[in-house]
Amino acid sequence: MYPKSIKNLIESFKYFPGIGEKTAERLAFSVLNMEDDEIKMISDSLLSIKKNLKRCSICNNLCESDICSICDDKLRDSNTLCVVEDPKTIFLIEKTGLYHGYYHVLSGLISSFDGISPEKLNIHKLIERIENNSFKEVIIAVKPCIEGEMTALYINNILSGMNVSVTRLASGIPMGADMDYVDALTLERAFENRKNIS
């Protein structure tokens, strides 16, 4: 019932997670009321994110150069390394201002159901970083689910022979919670109450 151009735009919006038919229709009609320069800015931003973003050669975070701004910051705490599932978690933790060490992005969690083995994650680089740096603590900051538990235990096991303490974010983050929806206060308590993995 819609003209083809509107129908195509509606279908395009539905590629975004959580966007159904009704929301896609509202967004498409919102675009019709935008100025040309606003539409161009959105279009340019979409193209730019695919063209310019790459992975940091050290921690696997998102950046626009070879090394991300966090890895390039020599003023950060070189004793701690926070291991996360994806770059979104880094941005979430950084917003709290609670943590001042470095990060390592796994790009997923161990999941036998999904066929994700440890070899498919960025764990080999994690081992290299710990061998070549003076980290005293590795903080596992992944969501508390079965896959997160498996990943944390695996990392704890492979690092057990090294001179580094392995801790995990503690109380405050409920089992099965998505890190995207954890508020700052909950995250603060989880960081403050982290414990050794046993």
Foldseek 3Di string as FASTA:
>chain_A
DDPPVLVVQLVVVVVDPPDDNVNSNVVSVVVVVDDPVVVVVVVVVVVCCVVQWDAAPQAGAIDRDNHHPLVVDPPFDQQEEEEEAYNVLVVVVVVLVPHRHHYHHFVHFDDVVVPRHSVNTPVVSVVVDVVVGNHAEYEYEYAQEPRSVVRLVVSCVVCVVPNHFYKYQDPLHDHPDHSNPRDSVSSNNSVVPIDGDD
